[in-house]
Amino acid sequence: VVSGKSLTGRREYTIPKGTEKGDTLAAAVDC
């Protein structure tokens, strides 16, 4: 639902449509 590449500095992103009870969010990061 949201991604970015070659990033530096502080960043913040909205997760579209919020969350529902029981939703599972996966966050993969390469640094």
ModelCIF file with pLDDT and N, C-alpha, C, O atoms, coordinates in Angstrom:
data_MODEL
#
_entry.id   MODEL 
#
_entity.id                         1 
_entity.type                       polymer 
_entity.pdbx_number_of_molecules   1 
#
_entity_poly.entity_id                      1 
_entity_poly.type                           'polypeptide(L)' 
_entity_poly.nstd_linkage                   no 
_entity_poly.nstd_monomer                   no 
_entity_poly.pdbx_seq_one_letter_code       VVSGKSLTGRREYTIPKGTEKGDTLAAAVDC 
_entity_poly.pdbx_seq_one_letter_code_can   VVSGKSLTGRREYTIPKGTEKGDTLAAAVDC 
_entity_poly.pdbx_strand_id                 A 
#
loop_
_entity_poly_seq.entity_id 
_entity_poly_seq.num 
_entity_poly_seq.mon_id 
_entity_poly_seq.hetero 
1 1  VAL n 
1 2  VAL n 
1 3  SER n 
1 4  GLY n 
1 5  LYS n 
1 6  SER n 
1 7  LEU n 
1 8  THR n 
1 9  GLY n 
1 10 ARG n 
1 11 ARG n 
1 12 GLU n 
1 13 TYR n 
1 14 THR n 
1 15 ILE n 
1 16 PRO n 
1 17 LYS n 
1 18 GLY n 
1 19 THR n 
1 20 GLU n 
1 21 LYS n 
1 22 GLY n 
1 23 ASP n 
1 24 THR n 
1 25 LEU n 
1 26 ALA n 
1 27 ALA n 
1 28 ALA n 
1 29 VAL n 
1 30 ASP n 
1 31 CYS n 
#
_struct_asym.id          A 
_struct_asym.entity_id   1 
#
loop_
_ma_qa_metric.id 
_ma_qa_metric.mode 
_ma_qa_metric.name 
_ma_qa_metric.software_group_id 
_ma_qa_metric.type 
1 global pLDDT . pLDDT 
2 local  pLDDT . pLDDT 
#
_ma_qa_metric_global.metric_id      1 
_ma_qa_metric_global.metric_value   94.06 
_ma_qa_metric_global.model_id       1 
_ma_qa_metric_global.ordinal_id     1 
#
loop_
_ma_qa_metric_local.label_asym_id 
_ma_qa_metric_local.label_comp_id 
_ma_qa_metric_local.label_seq_id 
_ma_qa_metric_local.metric_id 
_ma_qa_metric_local.metric_value 
_ma_qa_metric_local.model_id 
_ma_qa_metric_local.ordinal_id 
A VAL 1  2 95.00 1 1  
A VAL 2  2 96.00 1 2  
A SER 3  2 96.00 1 3  
A GLY 4  2 95.00 1 4  
A LYS 5  2 95.00 1 5  
A SER 6  2 94.00 1 6  
A LEU 7  2 96.00 1 7  
A THR 8  2 95.00 1 8  
A GLY 9  2 95.00 1 9  
A ARG 10 2 97.00 1 10 
A ARG 11 2 97.00 1 11 
A GLU 12 2 97.00 1 12 
A TYR 13 2 97.00 1 13 
A THR 14 2 96.00 1 14 
A ILE 15 2 94.00 1 15 
A PRO 16 2 93.00 1 16 
A LYS 17 2 91.00 1 17 
A GLY 18 2 91.00 1 18 
A THR 19 2 91.00 1 19 
A GLU 20 2 91.00 1 20 
A LYS 21 2 91.00 1 21 
A GLY 22 2 90.00 1 22 
A ASP 23 2 91.00 1 23 
A THR 24 2 92.00 1 24 
A LEU 25 2 93.00 1 25 
A ALA 26 2 94.00 1 26 
A ALA 27 2 95.00 1 27 
A ALA 28 2 95.00 1 28 
A VAL 29 2 95.00 1 29 
A ASP 30 2 94.00 1 30 
A CYS 31 2 94.00 1 31 
#
loop_
_atom_site.group_PDB 
_atom_site.id 
_atom_site.type_symbol 
_atom_site.label_atom_id 
_atom_site.label_alt_id 
_atom_site.label_comp_id 
_atom_site.label_asym_id 
_atom_site.label_entity_id 
_atom_site.label_seq_id 
_atom_site.pdbx_PDB_ins_code 
_atom_site.Cartn_x 
_atom_site.Cartn_y 
_atom_site.Cartn_z 
_atom_site.occupancy 
_atom_site.B_iso_or_equiv 
_atom_site.pdbx_formal_charge 
_atom_site.auth_seq_id 
_atom_site.auth_comp_id 
_atom_site.auth_asym_id 
_atom_site.auth_atom_id 
_atom_site.pdbx_PDB_model_num 
ATOM 1   N N  . VAL A 1 1  ? 0.808  -1.217 0.000  1.00 95.00 ? 1  VAL A N  1 
ATOM 2   C CA . VAL A 1 1  ? 0.000  0.000  0.000  1.00 95.00 ? 1  VAL A CA 1 
ATOM 3   C C  . VAL A 1 1  ? 0.841  1.266  0.000  1.00 95.00 ? 1  VAL A C  1 
ATOM 4   O O  . VAL A 1 1  ? 0.354  2.331  -0.379 1.00 95.00 ? 1  VAL A O  1 
ATOM 5   N N  . VAL A 1 2  ? 2.104  1.163  0.423  1.00 96.00 ? 2  VAL A N  1 
ATOM 6   C CA . VAL A 1 2  ? 3.006  2.310  0.386  1.00 96.00 ? 2  VAL A CA 1 
ATOM 7   C C  . VAL A 1 2  ? 4.439  1.785  0.337  1.00 96.00 ? 2  VAL A C  1 
ATOM 8   O O  . VAL A 1 2  ? 4.771  0.779  0.963  1.00 96.00 ? 2  VAL A O  1 
ATOM 9   N N  . SER A 1 3  ? 5.284  2.492  -0.424 1.00 96.00 ? 3  SER A N  1 
ATOM 10  C CA . SER A 1 3  ? 6.675  2.058  -0.564 1.00 96.00 ? 3  SER A CA 1 
ATOM 11  C C  . SER A 1 3  ? 7.546  3.246  -0.961 1.00 96.00 ? 3  SER A C  1 
ATOM 12  O O  . SER A 1 3  ? 7.044  4.303  -1.345 1.00 96.00 ? 3  SER A O  1 
ATOM 13  N N  . GLY A 1 4  ? 8.846  3.055  -0.863 1.00 95.00 ? 4  GLY A N  1 
ATOM 14  C CA . GLY A 1 4  ? 9.792  4.089  -1.268 1.00 95.00 ? 4  GLY A CA 1 
ATOM 15  C C  . GLY A 1 4  ? 11.168 3.472  -1.454 1.00 95.00 ? 4  GLY A C  1 
ATOM 16  O O  . GLY A 1 4  ? 11.463 2.411  -0.904 1.00 95.00 ? 4  GLY A O  1 
ATOM 17  N N  . LYS A 1 5  ? 12.011 4.147  -2.237 1.00 95.00 ? 5  LYS A N  1 
ATOM 18  C CA . LYS A 1 5  ? 13.363 3.631  -2.494 1.00 95.00 ? 5  LYS A CA 1 
ATOM 19  C C  . LYS A 1 5  ? 14.371 4.765  -2.448 1.00 95.00 ? 5  LYS A C  1 
ATOM 20  O O  . LYS A 1 5  ? 14.026 5.930  -2.645 1.00 95.00 ? 5  LYS A O  1 
ATOM 21  N N  . SER A 1 6  ? 15.628 4.406  -2.182 1.00 94.00 ? 6  SER A N  1 
ATOM 22  C CA . SER A 1 6  ? 16.750 5.361  -2.108 1.00 94.00 ? 6  SER A CA 1 
ATOM 23  C C  . SER A 1 6  ? 16.426 6.551  -1.221 1.00 94.00 ? 6  SER A C  1 
ATOM 24  O O  . SER A 1 6  ? 16.616 7.697  -1.627 1.00 94.00 ? 6  SER A O  1 
ATOM 25  N N  . LEU A 1 7  ? 15.940 6.292  -0.018 1.00 96.00 ? 7  LEU A N  1 
ATOM 26  C CA . LEU A 1 7  ? 15.493 7.342  0.886  1.00 96.00 ? 7  LEU A CA 1 
ATOM 27  C C  . LEU A 1 7  ? 16.560 7.708  1.909  1.00 96.00 ? 7  LEU A C  1 
ATOM 28  O O  . LEU A 1 7  ? 17.359 6.869  2.326  1.00 96.00 ? 7  LEU A O  1 
ATOM 29  N N  . THR A 1 8  ? 16.556 8.971  2.302  1.00 95.00 ? 8  THR A N  1 
ATOM 30  C CA . THR A 1 8  ? 17.397 9.475  3.384  1.00 95.00 ? 8  THR A CA 1 
ATOM 31  C C  . THR A 1 8  ? 16.550 10.468 4.173  1.00 95.00 ? 8  THR A C  1 
ATOM 32  O O  . THR A 1 8  ? 15.526 10.940 3.679  1.00 95.00 ? 8  THR A O  1 
ATOM 33  N N  . GLY A 1 9  ? 16.970 10.784 5.390  1.00 95.00 ? 9  GLY A N  1 
ATOM 34  C CA . GLY A 1 9  ? 16.226 11.753 6.197  1.00 95.00 ? 9  GLY A CA 1 
ATOM 35  C C  . GLY A 1 9  ? 14.944 11.173 6.753  1.00 95.00 ? 9  GLY A C  1 
ATOM 36  O O  . GLY A 1 9  ? 14.539 10.067 6.395  1.00 95.00 ? 9  GLY A O  1 
ATOM 37  N N  . ARG A 1 10 ? 14.303 11.939 7.641  1.00 97.00 ? 10 ARG A N  1 
ATOM 38  C CA . ARG A 1 10 ? 13.061 11.500 8.273  1.00 97.00 ? 10 ARG A CA 1 
ATOM 39  C C  . ARG A 1 10 ? 11.933 11.500 7.247  1.00 97.00 ? 10 ARG A C  1 
ATOM 40  O O  . ARG A 1 10 ? 11.805 12.432 6.453  1.00 97.00 ? 10 ARG A O  1 
ATOM 41  N N  . ARG A 1 11 ? 11.118 10.450 7.270  1.00 97.00 ? 11 ARG A N  1 
ATOM 42  C CA . ARG A 1 11 ? 9.969  10.338 6.354  1.00 97.00 ? 11 ARG A CA 1 
ATOM 43  C C  . ARG A 1 11 ? 8.776  9.787  7.118  1.00 97.00 ? 11 ARG A C  1 
ATOM 44  O O  . ARG A 1 11 ? 8.930  8.990  8.044  1.00 97.00 ? 11 ARG A O  1 
ATOM 45  N N  . GLU A 1 12 ? 7.575  10.223 6.718  1.00 97.00 ? 12 GLU A N  1 
ATOM 46  C CA . GLU A 1 12 ? 6.347  9.688  7.302  1.00 97.00 ? 12 GLU A CA 1 
ATOM 47  C C  . GLU A 1 12 ? 5.328  9.480  6.196  1.00 97.00 ? 12 GLU A C  1 
ATOM 48  O O  . GLU A 1 12 ? 5.190  10.313 5.301  1.00 97.00 ? 12 GLU A O  1 
ATOM 49  N N  . TYR A 1 13 ? 4.614  8.358  6.263  1.00 97.00 ? 13 TYR A N  1 
ATOM 50  C CA . TYR A 1 13 ? 3.640  7.994  5.243  1.00 97.00 ? 13 TYR A CA 1 
ATOM 51  C C  . TYR A 1 13 ? 2.331  7.585  5.901  1.00 97.00 ? 13 TYR A C  1 
ATOM 52  O O  . TYR A 1 13 ? 2.326  6.905  6.927  1.00 97.00 ? 13 TYR A O  1 
ATOM 53  N N  . THR A 1 14 ? 1.225  8.004  5.304  1.00 96.00 ? 14 THR A N  1 
ATOM 54  C CA . THR A 1 14 ? -0.095 7.579  5.751  1.00 96.00 ? 14 THR A CA 1 
ATOM 55  C C  . THR A 1 14 ? -0.372 6.184  5.204  1.00 96.00 ? 14 THR A C  1 
ATOM 56  O O  . THR A 1 14 ? -0.071 5.889  4.047  1.00 96.00 ? 14 THR A O  1 
ATOM 57  N N  . ILE A 1 15 ? -0.941 5.339  6.036  1.00 94.00 ? 15 ILE A N  1 
ATOM 58  C CA . ILE A 1 15 ? -1.372 4.018  5.584  1.00 94.00 ? 15 ILE A CA 1 
ATOM 59  C C  . ILE A 1 15 ? -2.808 4.189  5.101  1.00 94.00 ? 15 ILE A C  1 
ATOM 60  O O  . ILE A 1 15 ? -3.711 4.424  5.905  1.00 94.00 ? 15 ILE A O  1 
ATOM 61  N N  . PRO A 1 16 ? -3.024 4.072  3.785  1.00 93.00 ? 16 PRO A N  1 
ATOM 62  C CA . PRO A 1 16 ? -4.357 4.335  3.224  1.00 93.00 ? 16 PRO A CA 1 
ATOM 63  C C  . PRO A 1 16 ? -5.453 3.506  3.894  1.00 93.00 ? 16 PRO A C  1 
ATOM 64  O O  . PRO A 1 16 ? -5.275 2.317  4.159  1.00 93.00 ? 16 PRO A O  1 
ATOM 65  N N  . LYS A 1 17 ? -6.579 4.148  4.161  1.00 91.00 ? 17 LYS A N  1 
ATOM 66  C CA . LYS A 1 17 ? -7.795 3.540  4.712  1.00 91.00 ? 17 LYS A CA 1 
ATOM 67  C C  . LYS A 1 17 ? -7.663 3.071  6.151  1.00 91.00 ? 17 LYS A C  1 
ATOM 68  O O  . LYS A 1 17 ? -8.555 2.375  6.637  1.00 91.00 ? 17 LYS A O  1 
ATOM 69  N N  . GLY A 1 18 ? -6.596 3.417  6.850  1.00 91.00 ? 18 GLY A N  1 
ATOM 70  C CA . GLY A 1 18 ? -6.454 3.015  8.243  1.00 91.00 ? 18 GLY A CA 1 
ATOM 71  C C  . GLY A 1 18 ? -6.342 1.508  8.390  1.00 91.00 ? 18 GLY A C  1 
ATOM 72  O O  . GLY A 1 18 ? -5.854 0.824  7.490  1.00 91.00 ? 18 GLY A O  1 
ATOM 73  N N  . THR A 1 19 ? -6.797 0.988  9.534  1.00 91.00 ? 19 THR A N  1 
ATOM 74  C CA . THR A 1 19 ? -6.691 -0.445 9.798  1.00 91.00 ? 19 THR A CA 1 
ATOM 75  C C  . THR A 1 19 ? -8.021 -1.000 10.282 1.00 91.00 ? 19 THR A C  1 
ATOM 76  O O  . THR A 1 19 ? -8.865 -0.255 10.780 1.00 91.00 ? 19 THR A O  1 
ATOM 77  N N  . GLU A 1 20 ? -8.205 -2.276 10.140 1.00 91.00 ? 20 GLU A N  1 
ATOM 78  C CA . GLU A 1 20 ? -9.362 -2.994 10.664 1.00 91.00 ? 20 GLU A CA 1 
ATOM 79  C C  . GLU A 1 20 ? -8.879 -3.968 11.726 1.00 91.00 ? 20 GLU A C  1 
ATOM 80  O O  . GLU A 1 20 ? -7.725 -4.397 11.689 1.00 91.00 ? 20 GLU A O  1 
ATOM 81  N N  . LYS A 1 21 ? -9.729 -4.321 12.658 1.00 91.00 ? 21 LYS A N  1 
ATOM 82  C CA . LYS A 1 21 ? -9.393 -5.315 13.668 1.00 91.00 ? 21 LYS A CA 1 
ATOM 83  C C  . LYS A 1 21 ? -9.006 -6.619 12.967 1.00 91.00 ? 21 LYS A C  1 
ATOM 84  O O  . LYS A 1 21 ? -9.733 -7.108 12.102 1.00 91.00 ? 21 LYS A O  1 
ATOM 85  N N  . GLY A 1 22 ? -7.853 -7.174 13.350 1.00 90.00 ? 22 GLY A N  1 
ATOM 86  C CA . GLY A 1 22 ? -7.387 -8.431 12.764 1.00 90.00 ? 22 GLY A CA 1 
ATOM 87  C C  . GLY A 1 22 ? -6.497 -8.262 11.548 1.00 90.00 ? 22 GLY A C  1 
ATOM 88  O O  . GLY A 1 22 ? -5.903 -9.237 11.088 1.00 90.00 ? 22 GLY A O  1 
ATOM 89  N N  . ASP A 1 23 ? -6.385 -7.040 11.006 1.00 91.00 ? 23 ASP A N  1 
ATOM 90  C CA . ASP A 1 23 ? -5.482 -6.808 9.873  1.00 91.00 ? 23 ASP A CA 1 
ATOM 91  C C  . ASP A 1 23 ? -4.046 -7.109 10.283 1.00 91.00 ? 23 ASP A C  1 
ATOM 92  O O  . ASP A 1 23 ? -3.655 -6.882 11.428 1.00 91.00 ? 23 ASP A O  1 
ATOM 93  N N  . THR A 1 24 ? -3.261 -7.626 9.330  1.00 92.00 ? 24 THR A N  1 
ATOM 94  C CA . THR A 1 24 ? -1.842 -7.888 9.572  1.00 92.00 ? 24 THR A CA 1 
ATOM 95  C C  . THR A 1 24 ? -1.029 -7.080 8.567  1.00 92.00 ? 24 THR A C  1 
ATOM 96  O O  . THR A 1 24 ? -1.156 -7.268 7.357  1.00 92.00 ? 24 THR A O  1 
ATOM 97  N N  . LEU A 1 25 ? -0.207 -6.193 9.072  1.00 93.00 ? 25 LEU A N  1 
ATOM 98  C CA . LEU A 1 25 ? 0.627  -5.321 8.261  1.00 93.00 ? 25 LEU A CA 1 
ATOM 99  C C  . LEU A 1 25 ? 2.042  -5.876 8.219  1.00 93.00 ? 25 LEU A C  1 
ATOM 100 O O  . LEU A 1 25 ? 2.627  -6.159 9.265  1.00 93.00 ? 25 LEU A O  1 
ATOM 101 N N  . ALA A 1 26 ? 2.599  -6.036 7.023  1.00 94.00 ? 26 ALA A N  1 
ATOM 102 C CA . ALA A 1 26 ? 3.990  -6.473 6.854  1.00 94.00 ? 26 ALA A CA 1 
ATOM 103 C C  . ALA A 1 26 ? 4.814  -5.256 6.445  1.00 94.00 ? 26 ALA A C  1 
ATOM 104 O O  . ALA A 1 26 ? 4.434  -4.516 5.537  1.00 94.00 ? 26 ALA A O  1 
ATOM 105 N N  . ALA A 1 27 ? 5.942  -5.055 7.117  1.00 95.00 ? 27 ALA A N  1 
ATOM 106 C CA . ALA A 1 27 ? 6.833  -3.936 6.803  1.00 95.00 ? 27 ALA A CA 1 
ATOM 107 C C  . ALA A 1 27 ? 8.223  -4.493 6.512  1.00 95.00 ? 27 ALA A C  1 
ATOM 108 O O  . ALA A 1 27 ? 8.898  -5.006 7.405  1.00 95.00 ? 27 ALA A O  1 
ATOM 109 N N  . ALA A 1 28 ? 8.646  -4.384 5.235  1.00 95.00 ? 28 ALA A N  1 
ATOM 110 C CA . ALA A 1 28 ? 9.977  -4.842 4.816  1.00 95.00 ? 28 ALA A CA 1 
ATOM 111 C C  . ALA A 1 28 ? 10.852 -3.619 4.601  1.00 95.00 ? 28 ALA A C  1 
ATOM 112 O O  . ALA A 1 28 ? 10.439 -2.650 3.964  1.00 95.00 ? 28 ALA A O  1 
ATOM 113 N N  . VAL A 1 29 ? 12.072 -3.671 5.141  1.00 95.00 ? 29 VAL A N  1 
ATOM 114 C CA . VAL A 1 29 ? 13.012 -2.552 5.046  1.00 95.00 ? 29 VAL A CA 1 
ATOM 115 C C  . VAL A 1 29 ? 14.376 -3.095 4.648  1.00 95.00 ? 29 VAL A C  1 
ATOM 116 O O  . VAL A 1 29 ? 14.855 -4.069 5.228  1.00 95.00 ? 29 VAL A O  1 
ATOM 117 N N  . ASP A 1 30 ? 15.004 -2.462 3.656  1.00 94.00 ? 30 ASP A N  1 
ATOM 118 C CA . ASP A 1 30 ? 16.402 -2.736 3.296  1.00 94.00 ? 30 ASP A CA 1 
ATOM 119 C C  . ASP A 1 30 ? 17.169 -1.463 3.612  1.00 94.00 ? 30 ASP A C  1 
ATOM 120 O O  . ASP A 1 30 ? 16.842 -0.402 3.080  1.00 94.00 ? 30 ASP A O  1 
ATOM 121 N N  . CYS A 1 31 ? 18.189 -1.544 4.471  1.00 94.00 ? 31 CYS A N  1 
ATOM 122 C CA . CYS A 1 31 ? 18.950 -0.330 4.782  1.00 94.00 ? 31 CYS A CA 1 
ATOM 123 C C  . CYS A 1 31 ? 20.438 -0.589 4.651  1.00 94.00 ? 31 CYS A C  1 
ATOM 124 O O  . CYS A 1 31 ? 21.244 0.315  4.873  1.00 94.00 ? 31 CYS A O  1 
#
